[in-house]
Amino acid sequence: MQPKHYRSRPGAEFLMRRWDDDSVIYVVPSRETHFVSSLGTALFDSISEGPKVLESLKAEMLDRVEAGERLDIEAEVEAALQSLEKIQLIETFEDAF
């Protein structure tokens, strides 16, 4: 099984406002506004820099949290990625290699 890859959705139209580590994103085509947690914002920022593999995203987010918060981080990363995908800001893709 190939690892899951994520990238910013090409042509995604949105407006983003940040407060501390959280953000609110207005998605232009759907006219919907979404609150994005600090984890979701960090994931979106990371993916916006270039495509990422799920495992590297988990490792990157694990480095950002304190030891006591690490127990559920993998599940939280996957849930945040699903939310970002649902509102059409990111997408999964097959690696060509």
N, C-alpha and C. Protein backbone atom coordinates (compact mmCIF):
# COMPACT_ATOMS: atom_id res chain seq x y z
N MET A 1 0.84 -1.19 0.00
CA MET A 1 0.00 0.00 0.00
C MET A 1 0.89 1.25 0.00
N GLN A 2 0.59 2.16 -0.90
CA GLN A 2 1.37 3.40 -0.99
C GLN A 2 0.95 4.36 0.11
N PRO A 3 1.91 5.17 0.58
CA PRO A 3 1.56 6.16 1.60
C PRO A 3 0.60 7.21 1.03
N LYS A 4 -0.22 7.77 1.90
CA LYS A 4 -1.17 8.80 1.50
C LYS A 4 -0.45 10.13 1.36
N HIS A 5 -0.68 10.81 0.25
CA HIS A 5 -0.06 12.10 -0.03
C HIS A 5 -1.13 13.20 0.00
N TYR A 6 -0.74 14.37 0.47
CA TYR A 6 -1.63 15.53 0.52
C TYR A 6 -0.98 16.72 -0.17
N ARG A 7 -1.82 17.54 -0.81
CA ARG A 7 -1.36 18.79 -1.40
C ARG A 7 -2.48 19.81 -1.34
N SER A 8 -2.10 21.06 -1.51
CA SER A 8 -3.10 22.12 -1.60
C SER A 8 -3.94 21.86 -2.84
N ARG A 9 -5.20 22.13 -2.72
CA ARG A 9 -6.09 21.94 -3.87
C ARG A 9 -5.79 23.02 -4.90
N PRO A 10 -5.42 22.61 -6.12
CA PRO A 10 -5.12 23.61 -7.16
C PRO A 10 -6.33 24.51 -7.43
N GLY A 11 -6.08 25.79 -7.46
CA GLY A 11 -7.13 26.75 -7.76
C GLY A 11 -8.09 27.02 -6.62
N ALA A 12 -7.78 26.54 -5.43
CA ALA A 12 -8.66 26.79 -4.28
C ALA A 12 -8.76 28.29 -4.02
N GLU A 13 -9.98 28.79 -3.94
CA GLU A 13 -10.21 30.20 -3.67
C GLU A 13 -10.71 30.35 -2.24
N PHE A 14 -9.96 31.08 -1.43
CA PHE A 14 -10.34 31.25 -0.04
C PHE A 14 -9.72 32.52 0.52
N LEU A 15 -10.29 32.97 1.62
CA LEU A 15 -9.75 34.08 2.40
C LEU A 15 -9.47 33.52 3.79
N MET A 16 -8.35 33.90 4.36
CA MET A 16 -7.97 33.37 5.67
C MET A 16 -7.64 34.51 6.62
N ARG A 17 -8.15 34.41 7.83
CA ARG A 17 -7.81 35.34 8.91
C ARG A 17 -7.31 34.51 10.07
N ARG A 18 -6.24 34.98 10.70
CA ARG A 18 -5.63 34.23 11.81
C ARG A 18 -5.78 34.98 13.12
N TRP A 19 -6.01 34.21 14.16
CA TRP A 19 -6.01 34.71 15.53
C TRP A 19 -5.15 33.76 16.33
N ASP A 20 -4.03 34.26 16.81
CA ASP A 20 -3.04 33.41 17.48
C ASP A 20 -2.70 32.25 16.54
N ASP A 21 -2.96 31.02 16.96
CA ASP A 21 -2.63 29.86 16.13
C ASP A 21 -3.83 29.32 15.36
N ASP A 22 -5.03 29.81 15.66
CA ASP A 22 -6.24 29.35 14.98
C ASP A 22 -6.51 30.24 13.76
N SER A 23 -7.45 29.80 12.94
CA SER A 23 -7.82 30.63 11.80
C SER A 23 -9.29 30.43 11.43
N VAL A 24 -9.79 31.36 10.67
CA VAL A 24 -11.11 31.26 10.08
C VAL A 24 -10.90 31.38 8.57
N ILE A 25 -11.49 30.45 7.84
CA ILE A 25 -11.31 30.42 6.40
C ILE A 25 -12.67 30.54 5.72
N TYR A 26 -12.76 31.49 4.81
CA TYR A 26 -13.95 31.65 3.98
C TYR A 26 -13.63 31.03 2.63
N VAL A 27 -14.38 30.00 2.24
CA VAL A 27 -14.18 29.31 0.98
C VAL A 27 -15.11 29.96 -0.04
N VAL A 28 -14.53 30.62 -1.03
CA VAL A 28 -15.29 31.44 -1.97
C VAL A 28 -16.35 30.64 -2.74
N PRO A 29 -16.01 29.52 -3.40
CA PRO A 29 -17.02 28.83 -4.20
C PRO A 29 -18.25 28.37 -3.40
N SER A 30 -18.02 27.89 -2.18
CA SER A 30 -19.14 27.37 -1.39
C SER A 30 -19.80 28.45 -0.54
N ARG A 31 -19.14 29.61 -0.41
CA ARG A 31 -19.61 30.71 0.43
C ARG A 31 -19.74 30.28 1.90
N GLU A 32 -18.90 29.35 2.32
CA GLU A 32 -18.93 28.85 3.69
C GLU A 32 -17.73 29.37 4.46
N THR A 33 -17.94 29.61 5.74
CA THR A 33 -16.88 30.04 6.64
C THR A 33 -16.61 28.91 7.62
N HIS A 34 -15.33 28.61 7.85
CA HIS A 34 -14.95 27.50 8.71
C HIS A 34 -13.92 27.95 9.73
N PHE A 35 -14.12 27.55 10.99
CA PHE A 35 -13.10 27.72 12.01
C PHE A 35 -12.10 26.58 11.84
N VAL A 36 -10.82 26.90 11.84
CA VAL A 36 -9.78 25.89 11.72
C VAL A 36 -8.90 25.98 12.96
N SER A 37 -8.78 24.87 13.67
CA SER A 37 -7.99 24.81 14.90
C SER A 37 -6.52 25.09 14.63
N SER A 38 -5.77 25.24 15.70
CA SER A 38 -4.34 25.48 15.55
C SER A 38 -3.66 24.31 14.84
N LEU A 39 -4.09 23.09 15.12
CA LEU A 39 -3.53 21.92 14.43
C LEU A 39 -3.87 21.95 12.95
N GLY A 40 -5.13 22.22 12.61
CA GLY A 40 -5.54 22.31 11.22
C GLY A 40 -4.81 23.42 10.48
N THR A 41 -4.61 24.55 11.15
CA THR A 41 -3.89 25.67 10.55
C THR A 41 -2.44 25.29 10.29
N ALA A 42 -1.81 24.62 11.26
CA ALA A 42 -0.42 24.19 11.08
C ALA A 42 -0.29 23.18 9.94
N LEU A 43 -1.24 22.26 9.84
CA LEU A 43 -1.22 21.30 8.75
C LEU A 43 -1.41 21.99 7.40
N PHE A 44 -2.36 22.90 7.34
CA PHE A 44 -2.61 23.63 6.09
C PHE A 44 -1.36 24.42 5.68
N ASP A 45 -0.72 25.08 6.64
CA ASP A 45 0.51 25.83 6.33
C ASP A 45 1.59 24.90 5.80
N SER A 46 1.75 23.75 6.42
CA SER A 46 2.77 22.80 5.99
C SER A 46 2.51 22.29 4.58
N ILE A 47 1.27 21.92 4.32
CA ILE A 47 0.90 21.40 3.00
C ILE A 47 1.00 22.50 1.95
N SER A 48 0.74 23.74 2.33
CA SER A 48 0.83 24.85 1.38
C SER A 48 2.26 25.07 0.90
N GLU A 49 3.23 24.64 1.70
CA GLU A 49 4.64 24.75 1.31
C GLU A 49 5.01 23.73 0.24
N GLY A 50 4.23 22.68 0.11
CA GLY A 50 4.50 21.63 -0.87
C GLY A 50 3.85 20.33 -0.44
N PRO A 51 3.65 19.40 -1.37
CA PRO A 51 2.99 18.14 -1.05
C PRO A 51 3.71 17.41 0.09
N LYS A 52 2.92 16.71 0.89
CA LYS A 52 3.45 15.99 2.04
C LYS A 52 2.83 14.61 2.15
N VAL A 53 3.58 13.69 2.72
CA VAL A 53 3.12 12.34 3.00
C VAL A 53 2.52 12.34 4.41
N LEU A 54 1.48 11.56 4.62
CA LEU A 54 0.79 11.51 5.90
C LEU A 54 1.75 11.30 7.06
N GLU A 55 2.66 10.35 6.95
CA GLU A 55 3.56 10.05 8.05
C GLU A 55 4.47 11.22 8.38
N SER A 56 4.91 11.97 7.38
CA SER A 56 5.77 13.12 7.66
C SER A 56 4.97 14.24 8.32
N LEU A 57 3.70 14.38 7.96
CA LEU A 57 2.83 15.36 8.62
C LEU A 57 2.62 15.00 10.08
N LYS A 58 2.39 13.72 10.35
CA LYS A 58 2.23 13.28 11.73
C LYS A 58 3.49 13.57 12.55
N ALA A 59 4.64 13.25 11.98
CA ALA A 59 5.91 13.48 12.69
C ALA A 59 6.13 14.97 12.93
N GLU A 60 5.83 15.79 11.94
CA GLU A 60 5.99 17.24 12.07
C GLU A 60 5.09 17.81 13.17
N MET A 61 3.85 17.35 13.23
CA MET A 61 2.93 17.83 14.25
C MET A 61 3.30 17.28 15.63
N LEU A 62 3.83 16.08 15.68
CA LEU A 62 4.27 15.50 16.95
C LEU A 62 5.39 16.34 17.56
N ASP A 63 6.25 16.88 16.71
CA ASP A 63 7.34 17.74 17.18
C ASP A 63 6.82 19.05 17.77
N ARG A 64 5.62 19.46 17.40
CA ARG A 64 5.06 20.74 17.84
C ARG A 64 4.32 20.67 19.17
N VAL A 65 3.95 19.48 19.61
CA VAL A 65 3.14 19.36 20.81
C VAL A 65 3.98 18.93 22.01
N GLU A 66 3.47 19.23 23.18
CA GLU A 66 4.15 18.85 24.41
C GLU A 66 3.92 17.37 24.69
N ALA A 67 4.78 16.79 25.50
CA ALA A 67 4.76 15.35 25.76
C ALA A 67 3.39 14.86 26.22
N GLY A 68 2.70 15.59 27.08
CA GLY A 68 1.41 15.17 27.59
C GLY A 68 0.30 15.15 26.56
N GLU A 69 0.49 15.84 25.44
CA GLU A 69 -0.53 15.93 24.41
C GLU A 69 -0.31 14.94 23.27
N ARG A 70 0.70 14.12 23.36
CA ARG A 70 1.10 13.26 22.24
C ARG A 70 0.25 12.01 22.06
N LEU A 71 -0.54 11.65 23.04
CA LEU A 71 -1.27 10.38 22.98
C LEU A 71 -2.21 10.29 21.79
N ASP A 72 -2.95 11.34 21.52
CA ASP A 72 -3.97 11.30 20.47
C ASP A 72 -3.58 12.06 19.22
N ILE A 73 -2.34 12.50 19.11
CA ILE A 73 -1.98 13.39 18.01
C ILE A 73 -2.17 12.74 16.64
N GLU A 74 -1.88 11.45 16.51
CA GLU A 74 -2.04 10.81 15.19
C GLU A 74 -3.49 10.83 14.74
N ALA A 75 -4.40 10.50 15.63
CA ALA A 75 -5.83 10.53 15.28
C ALA A 75 -6.29 11.95 15.03
N GLU A 76 -5.78 12.90 15.80
CA GLU A 76 -6.17 14.30 15.61
C GLU A 76 -5.66 14.84 14.28
N VAL A 77 -4.45 14.44 13.88
CA VAL A 77 -3.92 14.86 12.58
C VAL A 77 -4.80 14.33 11.46
N GLU A 78 -5.16 13.06 11.53
CA GLU A 78 -6.00 12.48 10.48
C GLU A 78 -7.37 13.15 10.43
N ALA A 79 -7.95 13.45 11.58
CA ALA A 79 -9.25 14.13 11.63
C ALA A 79 -9.15 15.54 11.05
N ALA A 80 -8.09 16.25 11.39
CA ALA A 80 -7.90 17.62 10.86
C ALA A 80 -7.70 17.59 9.35
N LEU A 81 -6.95 16.62 8.86
CA LEU A 81 -6.75 16.49 7.41
C LEU A 81 -8.06 16.19 6.70
N GLN A 82 -8.89 15.34 7.29
CA GLN A 82 -10.20 15.03 6.70
C GLN A 82 -11.06 16.29 6.64
N SER A 83 -10.99 17.11 7.69
CA SER A 83 -11.77 18.36 7.70
C SER A 83 -11.29 19.31 6.62
N LEU A 84 -9.98 19.45 6.47
CA LEU A 84 -9.43 20.34 5.43
C LEU A 84 -9.79 19.83 4.04
N GLU A 85 -9.81 18.51 3.88
CA GLU A 85 -10.19 17.94 2.59
C GLU A 85 -11.68 18.14 2.32
N LYS A 86 -12.49 17.99 3.35
CA LYS A 86 -13.94 18.14 3.21
C LYS A 86 -14.32 19.55 2.75
N ILE A 87 -13.59 20.56 3.26
CA ILE A 87 -13.91 21.94 2.84
C ILE A 87 -13.13 22.35 1.60
N GLN A 88 -12.48 21.37 0.96
CA GLN A 88 -11.84 21.51 -0.34
C GLN A 88 -10.65 22.46 -0.36
N LEU A 89 -9.86 22.45 0.71
CA LEU A 89 -8.63 23.24 0.73
C LEU A 89 -7.42 22.39 0.39
N ILE A 90 -7.50 21.08 0.66
CA ILE A 90 -6.43 20.16 0.32
C ILE A 90 -7.04 18.95 -0.37
N GLU A 91 -6.18 18.13 -0.96
CA GLU A 91 -6.64 16.90 -1.58
C GLU A 91 -5.58 15.83 -1.46
N THR A 92 -6.00 14.58 -1.55
CA THR A 92 -5.06 13.48 -1.59
C THR A 92 -4.73 13.17 -3.05
N PHE A 93 -3.58 12.57 -3.25
CA PHE A 93 -3.21 12.19 -4.62
C PHE A 93 -2.29 10.98 -4.57
N GLU A 94 -2.21 10.31 -5.70
CA GLU A 94 -1.33 9.14 -5.84
C GLU A 94 0.04 9.65 -6.27
N ASP A 95 1.07 9.11 -5.65
CA ASP A 95 2.43 9.45 -6.04
C ASP A 95 2.72 8.74 -7.37
N ALA A 96 3.32 9.48 -8.29
CA ALA A 96 3.60 8.94 -9.62
C ALA A 96 4.82 8.01 -9.62
N PHE A 97 5.54 7.94 -8.52
CA PHE A 97 6.77 7.13 -8.50
C PHE A 97 6.55 5.79 -7.90
